[in-house]
N, C-alpha and C. Protein backbone atom coordinates (compact mmCIF):
# COMPACT_ATOMS: atom_id res chain seq x y z
N UNK A 1 14.44 48.27 -9.27
CA UNK A 1 15.28 47.32 -9.78
C UNK A 1 14.81 47.07 -11.19
N UNK A 2 15.65 47.09 -12.21
CA UNK A 2 15.19 46.82 -13.46
C UNK A 2 15.52 45.42 -13.92
N UNK A 3 14.38 44.79 -14.58
CA UNK A 3 14.70 43.46 -14.92
C UNK A 3 14.55 43.27 -16.36
N UNK A 4 15.40 42.56 -16.87
CA UNK A 4 15.41 42.02 -18.24
C UNK A 4 14.20 41.00 -18.45
N UNK A 5 14.20 40.45 -19.82
CA UNK A 5 13.27 39.42 -19.89
C UNK A 5 13.69 38.17 -19.16
N UNK A 6 12.66 37.53 -18.76
CA UNK A 6 12.99 36.29 -17.99
C UNK A 6 13.13 35.23 -18.91
N UNK A 7 14.07 34.35 -18.66
CA UNK A 7 14.40 33.22 -19.55
C UNK A 7 13.04 32.17 -19.34
N UNK A 8 12.85 31.47 -20.37
CA UNK A 8 12.01 30.40 -20.49
C UNK A 8 12.75 29.05 -20.43
N UNK A 9 12.80 28.34 -19.60
CA UNK A 9 13.61 27.19 -19.49
C UNK A 9 12.89 26.02 -19.94
N UNK A 10 12.91 25.80 -21.21
CA UNK A 10 12.18 24.67 -21.89
C UNK A 10 12.35 23.35 -21.12
N UNK A 11 13.41 22.91 -20.99
CA UNK A 11 13.80 21.59 -20.37
C UNK A 11 13.26 21.39 -19.12
N UNK A 12 13.44 22.45 -18.15
CA UNK A 12 13.08 22.48 -16.94
C UNK A 12 11.40 22.37 -16.74
N UNK A 13 10.88 23.20 -17.58
CA UNK A 13 9.37 23.16 -17.55
C UNK A 13 8.89 21.89 -18.06
N UNK A 14 9.50 21.30 -19.04
CA UNK A 14 9.01 19.97 -19.45
C UNK A 14 9.11 18.86 -18.48
N UNK A 15 10.24 18.96 -17.65
CA UNK A 15 10.53 18.11 -16.43
C UNK A 15 9.39 18.30 -15.49
N UNK A 16 9.12 19.59 -15.26
CA UNK A 16 8.00 19.91 -14.28
C UNK A 16 6.59 19.32 -14.79
N UNK A 17 6.50 19.36 -16.08
CA UNK A 17 5.17 18.73 -16.52
C UNK A 17 5.11 17.23 -16.33
N UNK A 18 6.29 16.50 -16.43
CA UNK A 18 6.52 15.07 -16.14
C UNK A 18 6.16 14.85 -14.61
N UNK A 19 6.80 15.83 -13.71
CA UNK A 19 6.49 15.68 -12.29
C UNK A 19 4.95 15.78 -12.07
N UNK A 20 4.32 16.72 -12.65
CA UNK A 20 2.94 17.00 -12.38
C UNK A 20 2.12 15.73 -12.94
N UNK A 21 2.53 15.05 -14.03
CA UNK A 21 1.92 13.90 -14.46
C UNK A 21 2.09 12.63 -13.47
N UNK A 22 3.22 12.65 -12.84
CA UNK A 22 3.54 11.67 -12.13
C UNK A 22 2.67 11.72 -10.77
N UNK A 23 2.58 12.93 -10.39
CA UNK A 23 1.57 13.34 -9.18
C UNK A 23 0.19 12.84 -9.55
N UNK A 24 -0.03 13.05 -10.71
CA UNK A 24 -1.60 12.90 -10.93
C UNK A 24 -1.72 11.17 -11.06
N UNK A 25 -0.59 10.51 -11.67
CA UNK A 25 -0.80 9.04 -11.65
C UNK A 25 -0.74 8.46 -10.51
N UNK A 26 0.07 8.99 -9.37
CA UNK A 26 0.00 8.47 -8.06
C UNK A 26 -1.27 8.59 -7.48
N UNK A 27 -1.93 9.55 -7.57
CA UNK A 27 -3.33 9.81 -6.92
C UNK A 27 -4.37 8.88 -7.71
N UNK A 28 -4.20 8.87 -9.01
CA UNK A 28 -5.18 8.05 -9.82
C UNK A 28 -5.04 6.53 -9.43
N UNK A 29 -3.74 6.06 -9.38
CA UNK A 29 -3.48 4.53 -9.19
C UNK A 29 -3.99 4.43 -7.54
N UNK A 30 -3.62 5.36 -6.62
CA UNK A 30 -4.21 5.17 -5.30
C UNK A 30 -5.62 5.02 -5.23
N UNK A 31 -6.32 5.85 -6.06
CA UNK A 31 -7.84 5.79 -6.08
C UNK A 31 -8.40 4.39 -6.55
N UNK A 32 -7.69 3.94 -7.63
CA UNK A 32 -8.09 2.60 -8.18
C UNK A 32 -7.92 1.47 -7.18
N UNK A 33 -6.77 1.60 -6.37
CA UNK A 33 -6.64 0.54 -5.26
C UNK A 33 -7.58 0.73 -4.23
N UNK A 34 -7.96 1.96 -3.86
CA UNK A 34 -9.04 1.93 -2.75
C UNK A 34 -10.37 1.61 -3.35
N UNK A 35 -10.72 1.91 -4.53
CA UNK A 35 -11.98 1.46 -5.12
C UNK A 35 -12.05 -0.08 -5.34
N UNK A 36 -10.90 -0.72 -5.67
CA UNK A 36 -10.88 -2.12 -5.73
C UNK A 36 -11.10 -2.67 -4.42
N UNK A 37 -10.43 -2.29 -3.26
CA UNK A 37 -10.38 -2.84 -2.11
C UNK A 37 -11.96 -2.78 -1.61
N UNK A 38 -12.56 -1.71 -1.90
CA UNK A 38 -13.92 -1.49 -1.47
C UNK A 38 -14.90 -2.42 -2.24
N UNK A 39 -14.76 -2.55 -3.62
CA UNK A 39 -15.67 -3.35 -4.32
C UNK A 39 -15.52 -4.67 -4.19
N UNK A 40 -14.30 -5.14 -4.33
CA UNK A 40 -14.17 -6.68 -4.32
C UNK A 40 -13.52 -7.29 -3.15
N UNK A 41 -13.21 -6.23 -2.00
CA UNK A 41 -12.63 -6.77 -0.91
C UNK A 41 -11.09 -6.94 -1.25
N UNK A 42 -10.76 -6.49 -2.13
CA UNK A 42 -9.23 -6.52 -2.63
C UNK A 42 -9.18 -7.69 -3.39
N UNK A 43 -8.19 -7.91 -4.20
CA UNK A 43 -7.78 -9.05 -5.11
C UNK A 43 -6.41 -9.29 -4.81
N UNK A 44 -6.11 -10.46 -5.40
CA UNK A 44 -4.68 -11.07 -5.41
C UNK A 44 -3.72 -9.99 -5.96
N UNK A 45 -4.11 -9.22 -6.83
CA UNK A 45 -3.25 -8.37 -7.57
C UNK A 45 -2.94 -6.99 -6.88
N UNK A 46 -3.82 -6.79 -5.79
CA UNK A 46 -3.76 -5.47 -5.14
C UNK A 46 -2.32 -5.11 -4.51
N UNK A 47 -1.59 -6.18 -3.96
CA UNK A 47 -0.29 -5.83 -3.31
C UNK A 47 0.81 -5.67 -4.57
N UNK A 48 0.55 -6.10 -5.71
CA UNK A 48 1.27 -5.86 -6.84
C UNK A 48 1.30 -4.52 -7.28
N UNK A 49 -0.05 -4.20 -7.54
CA UNK A 49 -0.34 -2.92 -8.08
C UNK A 49 0.10 -1.88 -7.10
N UNK A 50 0.01 -2.07 -5.82
CA UNK A 50 0.27 -1.12 -4.88
C UNK A 50 1.86 -1.01 -4.83
N UNK A 51 2.65 -1.98 -4.95
CA UNK A 51 3.96 -1.89 -4.99
C UNK A 51 4.55 -1.12 -6.29
N UNK A 52 3.87 -1.50 -7.38
CA UNK A 52 4.24 -0.76 -8.58
C UNK A 52 3.96 0.74 -8.60
N UNK A 53 2.73 1.09 -7.83
CA UNK A 53 2.37 2.48 -7.67
C UNK A 53 3.45 3.17 -6.92
N UNK A 54 3.96 2.54 -5.66
CA UNK A 54 4.83 3.18 -4.90
C UNK A 54 6.18 3.25 -5.57
N UNK A 55 6.53 2.36 -6.36
CA UNK A 55 8.02 2.45 -7.00
C UNK A 55 7.93 3.53 -8.07
N UNK A 56 6.90 3.57 -8.74
CA UNK A 56 6.90 4.55 -9.86
C UNK A 56 6.52 5.93 -9.45
N UNK A 57 5.60 6.15 -8.63
CA UNK A 57 5.11 7.56 -8.45
C UNK A 57 5.42 8.16 -6.95
N UNK A 58 5.68 7.34 -6.10
CA UNK A 58 5.72 7.73 -4.58
C UNK A 58 6.49 8.98 -4.51
N UNK A 59 7.66 9.20 -4.88
CA UNK A 59 8.42 10.58 -4.76
C UNK A 59 8.26 11.75 -5.65
N UNK A 60 7.18 11.67 -6.51
CA UNK A 60 6.94 12.58 -7.51
C UNK A 60 6.82 14.16 -6.80
N UNK A 61 6.23 14.18 -5.82
CA UNK A 61 6.25 15.53 -5.05
C UNK A 61 7.42 15.92 -4.73
N UNK A 62 8.43 15.06 -4.41
CA UNK A 62 9.76 15.57 -3.96
C UNK A 62 10.39 16.35 -5.19
N UNK A 63 10.52 15.57 -6.20
CA UNK A 63 11.16 16.18 -7.37
C UNK A 63 10.41 17.33 -7.98
N UNK A 64 9.06 17.42 -7.84
CA UNK A 64 8.22 18.52 -8.25
C UNK A 64 8.73 19.81 -7.46
N UNK A 65 8.83 19.64 -6.06
CA UNK A 65 9.20 20.71 -5.17
C UNK A 65 10.73 21.13 -5.69
N UNK A 66 11.44 20.30 -5.88
CA UNK A 66 12.90 20.57 -6.31
C UNK A 66 12.86 21.41 -7.53
N UNK A 67 12.10 20.89 -8.60
CA UNK A 67 11.87 21.63 -9.85
C UNK A 67 11.34 23.08 -9.59
N UNK A 68 10.33 23.20 -8.70
CA UNK A 68 9.74 24.41 -8.53
C UNK A 68 10.71 25.35 -7.86
N UNK A 69 11.57 24.85 -7.02
CA UNK A 69 12.69 25.82 -6.27
C UNK A 69 13.56 26.12 -7.25
N UNK A 70 14.04 25.31 -8.25
CA UNK A 70 15.01 25.63 -9.31
C UNK A 70 14.47 26.86 -10.10
N UNK A 71 13.08 26.63 -10.58
CA UNK A 71 12.44 27.55 -11.32
C UNK A 71 12.28 28.99 -10.66
N UNK A 72 11.99 28.91 -9.25
CA UNK A 72 12.10 30.14 -8.55
C UNK A 72 13.47 30.78 -8.64
N UNK A 73 14.44 29.99 -8.32
CA UNK A 73 15.73 30.77 -8.28
C UNK A 73 16.13 31.34 -9.66
N UNK A 74 15.74 30.46 -10.66
CA UNK A 74 16.19 30.87 -11.91
C UNK A 74 15.45 32.08 -12.52
N UNK A 75 14.15 32.17 -12.24
CA UNK A 75 13.35 33.16 -12.96
C UNK A 75 12.69 34.15 -11.97
N UNK A 76 12.29 33.80 -10.83
CA UNK A 76 11.67 34.70 -9.87
C UNK A 76 12.47 35.35 -8.75
N UNK A 77 13.51 34.89 -8.52
CA UNK A 77 14.18 35.37 -7.50
C UNK A 77 14.68 36.73 -7.61
N UNK A 78 15.04 37.27 -8.86
CA UNK A 78 15.40 38.71 -8.76
C UNK A 78 14.13 39.64 -8.39
N UNK A 79 13.01 39.25 -8.33
CA UNK A 79 11.90 40.04 -7.91
C UNK A 79 11.78 40.02 -6.27
N UNK A 80 12.36 38.90 -5.79
CA UNK A 80 12.33 38.98 -4.42
C UNK A 80 11.18 38.21 -3.77
N UNK A 81 11.22 37.78 -2.45
CA UNK A 81 10.19 36.89 -1.84
C UNK A 81 8.80 37.94 -1.60
N UNK A 82 9.00 39.04 -1.34
CA UNK A 82 7.88 39.90 -0.92
C UNK A 82 6.86 39.93 -2.23
N UNK A 83 7.55 40.25 -3.39
CA UNK A 83 6.81 40.50 -4.68
C UNK A 83 6.26 39.05 -5.00
N UNK A 84 7.02 37.93 -4.76
CA UNK A 84 6.48 36.56 -5.13
C UNK A 84 5.13 36.37 -4.35
N UNK A 85 5.19 36.54 -3.04
CA UNK A 85 4.02 36.19 -2.15
C UNK A 85 2.88 37.20 -2.38
N UNK A 86 3.21 38.49 -2.66
CA UNK A 86 2.14 39.56 -3.02
C UNK A 86 1.35 39.08 -4.32
N UNK A 87 2.12 38.46 -5.34
CA UNK A 87 1.66 38.23 -6.51
C UNK A 87 0.62 36.83 -6.31
N UNK A 88 1.04 36.07 -5.34
CA UNK A 88 0.18 34.79 -4.90
C UNK A 88 -1.03 35.21 -4.27
N UNK A 89 -0.94 36.29 -3.42
CA UNK A 89 -2.27 36.74 -2.77
C UNK A 89 -3.10 37.36 -3.69
C-alpha cells in the first residue's frame, strides 16, 4: 500500500491539547480537594470547589477519546490496526 503524506489537522490537534489540559486540571483540582480535606478537615468551600471541578473538567477524558478516534481515522487508518498496534509495542 502506497501512502501519501499524512495531513496535519491543526484545529483537531489544538482541540486535543485543550482536552489534555482539561484532564490535567481535573486531576490537579482533585488533588487540591483531597489535600484540603486531609489538612483542614475540609472547609466550607470544599463542596463549591468540587462542584466547579466536576462541571468544568469531569468529561474531559470523553472528548479526548473522541478526538483521538477522529485523529486515528483521519491520519492512521490507512495503515491499519495491525501496523498501529505494532508501532505501539
